[in-house]
C-alpha atoms as a PDB file:
ATOM      1  CA  MET A   1     -53.339 101.783 108.516  1.00  0.00           C
ATOM      2  CA  GLY A   2     -53.242 105.514 109.116  1.00  0.00           C
ATOM      3  CA  VAL A   3     -53.092 106.759 112.695  1.00  0.00           C
ATOM      4  CA  LYS A   4     -53.935 110.397 113.378  1.00  0.00           C
ATOM      5  CA  GLU A   5     -52.830 112.744 116.153  1.00  0.00           C
ATOM      6  CA  VAL A   6     -49.876 110.594 117.121  1.00  0.00           C
ATOM      7  CA  ARG A   7     -47.761 112.058 119.900  1.00  0.00           C
ATOM      8  CA  TRP A   8     -44.273 110.862 119.043  1.00  0.00           C
ATOM      9  CA  ASP A   9     -41.341 113.229 119.024  1.00  0.00           C
ATOM     10  CA  LYS A  10     -38.888 111.252 116.910  1.00  0.00           C
ATOM     11  CA  GLY A  11     -40.437 110.822 113.486  1.00  0.00           C
ATOM     12  CA  GLY A  12     -38.959 108.553 110.844  1.00  0.00           C
ATOM     13  CA  THR A  13     -39.468 104.795 110.489  1.00  0.00           C
ATOM     14  CA  VAL A  14     -39.673 102.114 113.175  1.00  0.00           C
ATOM     15  CA  ARG A  15     -40.347  98.391 112.870  1.00  0.00           C
ATOM     16  CA  ALA A  16     -43.516  97.365 114.778  1.00  0.00           C
ATOM     17  CA  GLY A  17     -44.151  93.626 114.556  1.00  0.00           C
ATOM     18  CA  ASP A  18     -44.898  92.703 110.945  1.00  0.00           C
ATOM     19  CA  CYS A  19     -45.282  96.373 110.003  1.00  0.00           C
ATOM     20  CA  ASN A  20     -43.180  99.462 109.563  1.00  0.00           C
ATOM     21  CA  PHE A  21     -44.437 102.623 111.221  1.00  0.00           C
ATOM     22  CA  PHE A  22     -43.784 105.855 109.300  1.00  0.00           C
ATOM     23  CA  MET A  23     -44.223 109.366 110.646  1.00  0.00           C
ATOM     24  CA  GLU A  24     -42.939 112.767 109.623  1.00  0.00           C
ATOM     25  CA  LYS A  25     -41.040 114.632 112.343  1.00  0.00           C
ATOM     26  CA  GLU A  26     -42.430 118.044 113.201  1.00  0.00           C
ATOM     27  CA  THR A  27     -40.672 120.865 114.998  1.00  0.00           C
ATOM     28  CA  LYS A  28     -43.510 121.540 117.452  1.00  0.00           C
ATOM     29  CA  ILE A  29     -42.978 120.790 121.131  1.00  0.00           C
ATOM     30  CA  ILE A  30     -46.117 118.626 121.202  1.00  0.00           C
ATOM     31  CA  ASN A  31     -46.234 116.432 118.127  1.00  0.00           C
ATOM     32  CA  TRP A  32     -49.750 115.577 116.920  1.00  0.00           C
ATOM     33  CA  ASN A  33     -49.233 114.082 113.513  1.00  0.00           C
ATOM     34  CA  THR A  34     -50.406 111.286 111.246  1.00  0.00           C
ATOM     35  CA  GLY A  35     -48.453 108.049 111.086  1.00  0.00           C
ATOM     36  CA  PHE A  36     -48.864 104.961 108.944  1.00  0.00           C
ATOM     37  CA  PHE A  37     -48.475 101.261 109.657  1.00  0.00           C
ATOM     38  CA  VAL A  38     -47.564  99.371 106.484  1.00  0.00           C
ATOM     39  CA  HIS A  39     -47.013  95.595 106.358  1.00  0.00           C
ATOM     40  CA  HIS A  40     -43.359  94.849 105.613  1.00  0.00           C
ATOM     41  CA  ARG A  41     -44.241  92.754 102.508  1.00  0.00           C
ATOM     42  CA  ILE A  42     -45.706  95.763 100.705  1.00  0.00           C
ATOM     43  CA  VAL A  43     -43.706  98.641 102.201  1.00  0.00           C
ATOM     44  CA  SER A  44     -41.730  99.168  98.996  1.00  0.00           C
ATOM     45  CA  ALA A  45     -44.984  99.977  97.166  1.00  0.00           C
ATOM     46  CA  PHE A  46     -45.786 102.961  99.412  1.00  0.00           C
ATOM     47  CA  LYS A  47     -44.745 106.548  99.047  1.00  0.00           C
ATOM     48  CA  ILE A  48     -45.515 108.749 102.021  1.00  0.00           C
ATOM     49  CA  ILE A  49     -45.648 112.461 101.251  1.00  0.00           C
ATOM     50  CA  PRO A  50     -44.954 114.816 104.169  1.00  0.00           C
ATOM     51  CA  LYS A  51     -48.068 116.702 105.221  1.00  0.00           C
ATOM     52  CA  THR A  52     -46.433 120.119 104.892  1.00  0.00           C
ATOM     53  CA  VAL A  53     -45.374 119.468 101.303  1.00  0.00           C
ATOM     54  CA  PHE A  54     -48.702 117.913 100.328  1.00  0.00           C
ATOM     55  CA  THR A  55     -50.776 120.746 101.813  1.00  0.00           C
ATOM     56  CA  ARG A  56     -48.947 123.404  99.803  1.00  0.00           C
ATOM     57  CA  ASN A  57     -48.539 121.511  96.480  1.00  0.00           C
ATOM     58  CA  LYS A  58     -51.432 119.020  96.435  1.00  0.00           C
ATOM     59  CA  SER A  59     -52.281 119.154  92.711  1.00  0.00           C
ATOM     60  CA  ARG A  60     -48.688 119.359  91.502  1.00  0.00           C
ATOM     61  CA  ILE A  61     -47.439 116.411  93.583  1.00  0.00           C
ATOM     62  CA  PHE A  62     -50.406 114.267  92.640  1.00  0.00           C
ATOM     63  CA  CYS A  63     -49.573 114.577  88.930  1.00  0.00           C
ATOM     64  CA  HIS A  64     -46.096 113.069  89.425  1.00  0.00           C
ATOM     65  CA  PHE A  65     -47.404 109.607  90.324  1.00  0.00           C
ATOM     66  CA  PRO A  66     -47.706 107.103  87.493  1.00  0.00           C
ATOM     67  CA  LYS A  67     -51.299 106.415  86.451  1.00  0.00           C
ATOM     68  CA  TYR A  68     -51.098 102.749  87.428  1.00  0.00           C
ATOM     69  CA  HIS A  69     -50.256 103.516  91.078  1.00  0.00           C
ATOM     70  CA  ILE A  70     -53.143 103.246  93.514  1.00  0.00           C
ATOM     71  CA  LYS A  71     -53.565 106.550  95.303  1.00  0.00           C
ATOM     72  CA  ILE A  72     -55.114 106.753  98.762  1.00  0.00           C
ATOM     73  CA  LEU A  73     -55.404 109.992 100.718  1.00  0.00           C
ATOM     74  CA  LEU A  74     -56.598 109.874 104.279  1.00  0.00           C
ATOM     75  CA  GLY A  75     -56.827 112.183 107.188  1.00  0.00           C
ATOM     76  CA  ASP A  76     -58.524 115.131 108.803  1.00  0.00           C
ATOM     77  CA  PHE A  77     -59.670 117.287 105.905  1.00  0.00           C
ATOM     78  CA  ASN A  78     -61.952 119.467 108.099  1.00  0.00           C
ATOM     79  CA  ALA A  79     -64.316 118.941 105.184  1.00  0.00           C
ATOM     80  CA  LYS A  80     -68.064 118.546 105.481  1.00  0.00           C
ATOM     81  CA  GLU A  81     -69.424 117.319 102.170  1.00  0.00           C
ATOM     82  CA  GLY A  82     -73.140 117.915 101.918  1.00  0.00           C
ATOM     83  CA  SER A  83     -75.876 116.027 100.153  1.00  0.00           C
ATOM     84  CA  GLU A  84     -75.898 118.224  97.060  1.00  0.00           C
ATOM     85  CA  ASN A  85     -76.864 116.088  94.041  1.00  0.00           C
ATOM     86  CA  ILE A  86     -74.036 117.439  91.901  1.00  0.00           C
ATOM     87  CA  PHE A  87     -71.472 115.771  94.214  1.00  0.00           C
ATOM     88  CA  LYS A  88     -73.058 112.278  94.274  1.00  0.00           C
ATOM     89  CA  PRO A  89     -70.648 110.689  91.745  1.00  0.00           C
ATOM     90  CA  THR A  90     -67.700 111.720  93.928  1.00  0.00           C
ATOM     91  CA  ILE A  91     -69.104 111.369  97.444  1.00  0.00           C
ATOM     92  CA  GLY A  92     -71.896 108.809  97.158  1.00  0.00           C
ATOM     93  CA  ASN A  93     -75.336 108.983  98.757  1.00  0.00           C
ATOM     94  CA  GLU A  94     -74.468 108.671 102.439  1.00  0.00           C
ATOM     95  CA  SER A  95     -73.649 112.214 103.448  1.00  0.00           C
ATOM     96  CA  LEU A  96     -74.106 113.140 107.087  1.00  0.00           C
ATOM     97  CA  HIS A  97     -74.332 116.874 106.429  1.00  0.00           C
ATOM     98  CA  LYS A  98     -76.949 118.792 104.476  1.00  0.00           C
ATOM     99  CA  ASP A  99     -74.580 121.447 103.138  1.00  0.00           C
ATOM    100  CA  SER A 100     -70.879 121.450 102.282  1.00  0.00           C
ATOM    101  CA  ASN A 101     -68.439 123.804 104.005  1.00  0.00           C
ATOM    102  CA  ASP A 102     -65.566 125.516 102.138  1.00  0.00           C
ATOM    103  CA  ASN A 103     -63.158 122.638 102.819  1.00  0.00           C
ATOM    104  CA  GLY A 104     -65.836 120.212 101.653  1.00  0.00           C
ATOM    105  CA  LEU A 105     -66.146 122.049  98.346  1.00  0.00           C
ATOM    106  CA  ARG A 106     -62.356 122.104  97.937  1.00  0.00           C
ATOM    107  CA  THR A 107     -62.119 118.385  98.766  1.00  0.00           C
ATOM    108  CA  VAL A 108     -64.846 117.438  96.286  1.00  0.00           C
ATOM    109  CA  ASN A 109     -63.332 119.633  93.565  1.00  0.00           C
ATOM    110  CA  PHE A 110     -59.874 118.147  94.137  1.00  0.00           C
ATOM    111  CA  ALA A 111     -61.264 114.595  94.199  1.00  0.00           C
ATOM    112  CA  THR A 112     -63.241 115.187  91.003  1.00  0.00           C
ATOM    113  CA  SER A 113     -60.256 116.700  89.176  1.00  0.00           C
ATOM    114  CA  LYS A 114     -58.042 113.712  90.101  1.00  0.00           C
ATOM    115  CA  SER A 115     -60.652 110.957  89.508  1.00  0.00           C
ATOM    116  CA  LEU A 116     -60.901 110.149  93.214  1.00  0.00           C
ATOM    117  CA  ALA A 117     -63.892 109.067  95.241  1.00  0.00           C
ATOM    118  CA  VAL A 118     -64.585 110.126  98.830  1.00  0.00           C
ATOM    119  CA  THR A 119     -65.003 106.507  99.847  1.00  0.00           C
ATOM    120  CA  SER A 120     -65.999 107.224 103.438  1.00  0.00           C
ATOM    121  CA  LYS A 121     -69.409 108.313 102.129  1.00  0.00           C
ATOM    122  CA  ILE A 122     -70.448 105.363  99.990  1.00  0.00           C
ATOM    123  CA  PHE A 123     -71.576 102.997 102.755  1.00  0.00           C
ATOM    124  CA  SER A 124     -74.947 103.063 104.470  1.00  0.00           C
ATOM    125  CA  HIS A 125     -74.580 103.030 108.264  1.00  0.00           C
ATOM    126  CA  ARG A 126     -76.346 104.478 111.272  1.00  0.00           C
ATOM    127  CA  ASN A 127     -75.207 108.017 112.001  1.00  0.00           C
ATOM    128  CA  ILE A 128     -73.181 106.903 115.026  1.00  0.00           C
ATOM    129  CA  HIS A 129     -70.832 105.122 112.593  1.00  0.00           C
ATOM    130  CA  LYS A 130     -70.589 108.143 110.283  1.00  0.00           C
ATOM    131  CA  TYR A 131     -69.303 110.663 112.832  1.00  0.00           C
ATOM    132  CA  THR A 132     -65.553 111.170 112.990  1.00  0.00           C
ATOM    133  CA  ARG A 133     -65.200 114.052 115.455  1.00  0.00           C
ATOM    134  CA  THR A 134     -66.923 115.698 118.398  1.00  0.00           C
ATOM    135  CA  SER A 135     -66.468 119.476 118.566  1.00  0.00           C
ATOM    136  CA  ALA A 136     -65.169 121.251 121.670  1.00  0.00           C
ATOM    137  CA  ASP A 137     -68.737 121.930 122.864  1.00  0.00           C
ATOM    138  CA  GLY A 138     -69.183 118.160 123.287  1.00  0.00           C
ATOM    139  CA  LYS A 139     -72.450 118.204 121.337  1.00  0.00           C
ATOM    140  CA  THR A 140     -71.650 118.954 117.698  1.00  0.00           C
ATOM    141  CA  LEU A 141     -70.837 115.784 115.778  1.00  0.00           C
ATOM    142  CA  ASN A 142     -69.211 115.967 112.351  1.00  0.00           C
ATOM    143  CA  ARG A 143     -67.765 113.845 109.609  1.00  0.00           C
ATOM    144  CA  ILE A 144     -64.543 115.596 108.657  1.00  0.00           C
ATOM    145  CA  ASP A 145     -62.051 112.701 108.426  1.00  0.00           C
ATOM    146  CA  HIS A 146     -62.061 111.019 105.043  1.00  0.00           C
ATOM    147  CA  ILE A 147     -60.474 108.399 102.843  1.00  0.00           C
ATOM    148  CA  LEU A 148     -60.103 109.374  99.197  1.00  0.00           C
ATOM    149  CA  MET A 149     -59.140 106.728  96.671  1.00  0.00           C
ATOM    150  CA  ASP A 150     -58.761 106.257  92.926  1.00  0.00           C
ATOM    151  CA  ARG A 151     -62.240 105.900  91.500  1.00  0.00           C
ATOM    152  CA  ARG A 152     -61.157 102.849  89.487  1.00  0.00           C
ATOM    153  CA  TRP A 153     -60.089 101.052  92.706  1.00  0.00           C
ATOM    154  CA  HIS A 154     -62.721 102.260  95.156  1.00  0.00           C
ATOM    155  CA  ALA A 155     -64.753  99.058  94.768  1.00  0.00           C
ATOM    156  CA  SER A 156     -61.898  97.298  96.596  1.00  0.00           C
ATOM    157  CA  ILE A 157     -63.042  98.994  99.802  1.00  0.00           C
ATOM    158  CA  LEU A 158     -65.680  96.771 101.363  1.00  0.00           C
ATOM    159  CA  ASP A 159     -66.665  99.010 104.263  1.00  0.00           C
ATOM    160  CA  ILE A 160     -65.710 102.120 106.231  1.00  0.00           C
ATOM    161  CA  LEU A 161     -66.909 102.783 109.775  1.00  0.00           C
ATOM    162  CA  GLY A 162     -66.309 105.351 112.459  1.00  0.00           C
ATOM    163  CA  PHE A 163     -65.937 103.947 115.980  1.00  0.00           C
ATOM    164  CA  CYS A 164     -66.702 106.455 118.717  1.00  0.00           C
ATOM    165  CA  GLY A 165     -65.971 103.985 121.531  1.00  0.00           C
ATOM    166  CA  ALA A 166     -62.268 103.518 120.810  1.00  0.00           C
ATOM    167  CA  ASP A 167     -60.167 105.185 123.530  1.00  0.00           C
ATOM    168  CA  CYS A 168     -57.579 107.022 121.453  1.00  0.00           C
ATOM    169  CA  ASP A 169     -57.099 110.163 123.616  1.00  0.00           C
ATOM    170  CA  THR A 170     -58.392 112.438 120.850  1.00  0.00           C
ATOM    171  CA  ASP A 171     -61.574 114.266 119.885  1.00  0.00           C
ATOM    172  CA  HIS A 172     -61.570 112.293 116.620  1.00  0.00           C
ATOM    173  CA  TYR A 173     -63.045 108.821 116.275  1.00  0.00           C
ATOM    174  CA  LEU A 174     -61.293 105.802 114.897  1.00  0.00           C
ATOM    175  CA  VAL A 175     -62.070 105.376 111.178  1.00  0.00           C
ATOM    176  CA  VAL A 176     -61.601 101.840 109.889  1.00  0.00           C
ATOM    177  CA  ALA A 177     -61.625 100.744 106.251  1.00  0.00           C
ATOM    178  CA  LYS A 178     -61.971  97.102 105.277  1.00  0.00           C
ATOM    179  CA  LEU A 179     -60.223  96.290 101.996  1.00  0.00           C
ATOM    180  CA  GLY A 180     -61.097  93.419  99.674  1.00  0.00           C
ATOM    181  CA  LYS A 181     -58.939  90.499  98.610  1.00  0.00           C
ATOM    182  CA  ASP A 182     -57.522  92.480  95.679  1.00  0.00           C
ATOM    183  CA  TRP A 183     -55.206  94.129  98.227  1.00  0.00           C
ATOM    184  CA  GLN A 184     -53.830  91.047  99.938  1.00  0.00           C
END
């Protein structure tokens, strides 16, 4: 499970029940980062790439993983993928936005070049379950948080929902993915 905008100043790895919690330490005074809970039985199968390294060298790092590894990217991409027909194989039919922004175009191009699917857009839900962030004006609702996954494995995701009612002390909504039995 990925957890965004975590305020924890230590970073590193901590045991939390049956899971290990991983988070990169940042040098900022207020730490708003992404952490991951991984069940201890499968922790050896995960490789967490620090956000700063991934942001600068996304394509290069991605090529170093063996083809048989399942790759999942998740987080705040600030990417609005529109409903342009050319993107349907990568993003599905359930776009919330009419037009893509620059980050949306970059995300779709990256996903296409690496055989990834933007899995957060393949499920039909009411709009309230598609939103992932409310802008500072309190009125503009967007879908900018995404889960990208190997296209060959994306059928293992059974559902993805945004939950605006979860009290997480953030302007982003909780995004939950339900994985199939192939992952257990």
